[in-house]
Amino acid sequence: QTVSGVNHGQTGAHMFLNHLLLKWFGASYFVLRAPSYCAYAAGLLAGLYYLRNLGFSYLVRLCFVLGLGCSHLNLVHGGEARPYVFLEAGVLLFLWAY
């Protein structure tokens, strides 16, 4: 039996980063969600670099940014302080590095 239901599946590193940010900057919504915002931004940049490496034009990359950046659901999930944002960013970073 695993403990996947504990703390909504957040990893220890995510919880430790949240603890440090809250200790350094105080309790606020932005600080609590800052790791998710950074992961969302990293995923967006990795996706852009991946498309660039595949040789897509600027127009396609602009559509990618507008599609992810202007989508209500992506913005909501990007700032929810949930661990799956890191999974999305990790996959896009892996694709970019591969």
C-alpha atoms as a PDB file:
ATOM      1  CA  GLN A   1       0.000   0.000   0.000  1.00  0.00           C
ATOM      2  CA  THR A   2       1.424   3.366  -1.004  1.00  0.00           C
ATOM      3  CA  VAL A   3       0.769   6.760   0.522  1.00  0.00           C
ATOM      4  CA  SER A   4      -0.250   8.456  -2.730  1.00  0.00           C
ATOM      5  CA  GLY A   5      -3.315  10.032  -1.125  1.00  0.00           C
ATOM      6  CA  VAL A   6      -1.286  11.877   1.507  1.00  0.00           C
ATOM      7  CA  ASN A   7      -0.855  15.620   0.847  1.00  0.00           C
ATOM      8  CA  HIS A   8      -2.608  15.333  -2.538  1.00  0.00           C
ATOM      9  CA  GLY A   9       0.340  13.391  -3.969  1.00  0.00           C
ATOM     10  CA  GLN A  10       2.817  16.242  -3.522  1.00  0.00           C
ATOM     11  CA  THR A  11       6.429  15.185  -3.395  1.00  0.00           C
ATOM     12  CA  GLY A  12       8.718  15.884  -0.489  1.00  0.00           C
ATOM     13  CA  ALA A  13      10.800  18.287  -2.588  1.00  0.00           C
ATOM     14  CA  HIS A  14       7.689  20.310  -3.486  1.00  0.00           C
ATOM     15  CA  MET A  15       6.625  20.488   0.164  1.00  0.00           C
ATOM     16  CA  PHE A  16      10.163  21.444   1.261  1.00  0.00           C
ATOM     17  CA  LEU A  17      10.336  24.217  -1.336  1.00  0.00           C
ATOM     18  CA  ASN A  18       6.958  25.511  -0.183  1.00  0.00           C
ATOM     19  CA  HIS A  19       8.149  25.417   3.432  1.00  0.00           C
ATOM     20  CA  LEU A  20      11.280  27.430   2.612  1.00  0.00           C
ATOM     21  CA  LEU A  21       9.399  30.030   0.573  1.00  0.00           C
ATOM     22  CA  LEU A  22       6.758  30.454   3.268  1.00  0.00           C
ATOM     23  CA  LYS A  23       9.446  30.769   5.939  1.00  0.00           C
ATOM     24  CA  TRP A  24      11.439  33.336   3.967  1.00  0.00           C
ATOM     25  CA  PHE A  25       8.624  35.461   2.529  1.00  0.00           C
ATOM     26  CA  GLY A  26       5.675  34.860   4.843  1.00  0.00           C
ATOM     27  CA  ALA A  27       2.321  33.306   4.178  1.00  0.00           C
ATOM     28  CA  SER A  28       0.675  34.556   1.025  1.00  0.00           C
ATOM     29  CA  TYR A  29      -1.115  33.037  -1.941  1.00  0.00           C
ATOM     30  CA  PHE A  30       1.614  34.055  -4.371  1.00  0.00           C
ATOM     31  CA  VAL A  31       4.428  32.528  -2.319  1.00  0.00           C
ATOM     32  CA  LEU A  32       2.523  29.281  -1.856  1.00  0.00           C
ATOM     33  CA  ARG A  33       1.929  29.025  -5.590  1.00  0.00           C
ATOM     34  CA  ALA A  34       5.349  30.310  -6.706  1.00  0.00           C
ATOM     35  CA  PRO A  35       6.843  26.821  -7.386  1.00  0.00           C
ATOM     36  CA  SER A  36       3.877  25.983  -9.615  1.00  0.00           C
ATOM     37  CA  TYR A  37       4.214  29.288 -11.458  1.00  0.00           C
ATOM     38  CA  CYS A  38       7.913  28.613 -12.039  1.00  0.00           C
ATOM     39  CA  ALA A  39       7.207  25.079 -13.258  1.00  0.00           C
ATOM     40  CA  TYR A  40       4.493  26.404 -15.585  1.00  0.00           C
ATOM     41  CA  ALA A  41       6.906  28.981 -17.014  1.00  0.00           C
ATOM     42  CA  ALA A  42       9.643  26.340 -17.396  1.00  0.00           C
ATOM     43  CA  GLY A  43       7.224  24.062 -19.227  1.00  0.00           C
ATOM     44  CA  LEU A  44       6.182  26.877 -21.543  1.00  0.00           C
ATOM     45  CA  LEU A  45       9.800  27.773 -22.346  1.00  0.00           C
ATOM     46  CA  ALA A  46      10.760  24.129 -22.839  1.00  0.00           C
ATOM     47  CA  GLY A  47       7.859  23.687 -25.231  1.00  0.00           C
ATOM     48  CA  LEU A  48       8.992  26.737 -27.192  1.00  0.00           C
ATOM     49  CA  TYR A  49      12.560  25.455 -27.430  1.00  0.00           C
ATOM     50  CA  TYR A  50      11.312  22.021 -28.426  1.00  0.00           C
ATOM     51  CA  LEU A  51       9.256  23.497 -31.257  1.00  0.00           C
ATOM     52  CA  ARG A  52      12.246  25.587 -32.316  1.00  0.00           C
ATOM     53  CA  ASN A  53      14.469  22.499 -32.398  1.00  0.00           C
ATOM     54  CA  LEU A  54      11.908  20.751 -34.611  1.00  0.00           C
ATOM     55  CA  GLY A  55      12.100  23.677 -37.041  1.00  0.00           C
ATOM     56  CA  PHE A  56       8.634  25.160 -36.606  1.00  0.00           C
ATOM     57  CA  SER A  57       8.086  28.762 -37.671  1.00  0.00           C
ATOM     58  CA  TYR A  58       7.575  31.757 -35.430  1.00  0.00           C
ATOM     59  CA  LEU A  59       3.858  31.702 -36.183  1.00  0.00           C
ATOM     60  CA  VAL A  60       3.479  28.153 -34.880  1.00  0.00           C
ATOM     61  CA  ARG A  61       5.448  29.033 -31.744  1.00  0.00           C
ATOM     62  CA  LEU A  62       3.314  32.133 -31.234  1.00  0.00           C
ATOM     63  CA  CYS A  63       0.173  30.014 -31.531  1.00  0.00           C
ATOM     64  CA  PHE A  64       1.671  27.622 -28.953  1.00  0.00           C
ATOM     65  CA  VAL A  65       2.301  30.463 -26.481  1.00  0.00           C
ATOM     66  CA  LEU A  66      -1.123  31.993 -27.052  1.00  0.00           C
ATOM     67  CA  GLY A  67      -2.802  28.600 -26.821  1.00  0.00           C
ATOM     68  CA  LEU A  68      -1.198  27.713 -23.507  1.00  0.00           C
ATOM     69  CA  GLY A  69      -0.897  31.213 -22.097  1.00  0.00           C
ATOM     70  CA  CYS A  70      -4.425  32.366 -22.849  1.00  0.00           C
ATOM     71  CA  SER A  71      -6.238  29.177 -21.959  1.00  0.00           C
ATOM     72  CA  HIS A  72      -8.239  29.618 -18.779  1.00  0.00           C
ATOM     73  CA  LEU A  73      -7.777  26.010 -17.667  1.00  0.00           C
ATOM     74  CA  ASN A  74      -4.004  26.068 -18.143  1.00  0.00           C
ATOM     75  CA  LEU A  75      -3.684  29.261 -16.140  1.00  0.00           C
ATOM     76  CA  VAL A  76      -5.877  27.908 -13.353  1.00  0.00           C
ATOM     77  CA  HIS A  77      -3.971  24.637 -13.188  1.00  0.00           C
ATOM     78  CA  GLY A  78      -0.645  26.456 -13.448  1.00  0.00           C
ATOM     79  CA  GLY A  79      -1.349  28.359 -10.250  1.00  0.00           C
ATOM     80  CA  GLU A  80      -3.086  25.698  -8.191  1.00  0.00           C
ATOM     81  CA  ALA A  81       0.076  24.677  -6.341  1.00  0.00           C
ATOM     82  CA  ARG A  82      -0.402  21.048  -7.360  1.00  0.00           C
ATOM     83  CA  PRO A  83       2.411  18.636  -8.235  1.00  0.00           C
ATOM     84  CA  TYR A  84       1.189  17.739 -11.730  1.00  0.00           C
ATOM     85  CA  VAL A  85       2.437  21.068 -13.047  1.00  0.00           C
ATOM     86  CA  PHE A  86       5.943  19.767 -12.377  1.00  0.00           C
ATOM     87  CA  LEU A  87       5.131  16.598 -14.321  1.00  0.00           C
ATOM     88  CA  GLU A  88       4.091  18.637 -17.360  1.00  0.00           C
ATOM     89  CA  ALA A  89       7.222  20.775 -17.143  1.00  0.00           C
ATOM     90  CA  GLY A  90       9.399  17.688 -16.675  1.00  0.00           C
ATOM     91  CA  VAL A  91       8.010  16.027 -19.790  1.00  0.00           C
ATOM     92  CA  LEU A  92       8.540  19.140 -21.899  1.00  0.00           C
ATOM     93  CA  LEU A  93      12.063  19.622 -20.517  1.00  0.00           C
ATOM     94  CA  PHE A  94      12.823  15.986 -21.325  1.00  0.00           C
ATOM     95  CA  LEU A  95      11.559  16.408 -24.893  1.00  0.00           C
ATOM     96  CA  TRP A  96      13.631  19.543 -25.315  1.00  0.00           C
ATOM     97  CA  ALA A  97      16.802  17.845 -24.021  1.00  0.00           C
ATOM     98  CA  TYR A  98      16.202  14.697 -26.063  1.00  0.00           C
END
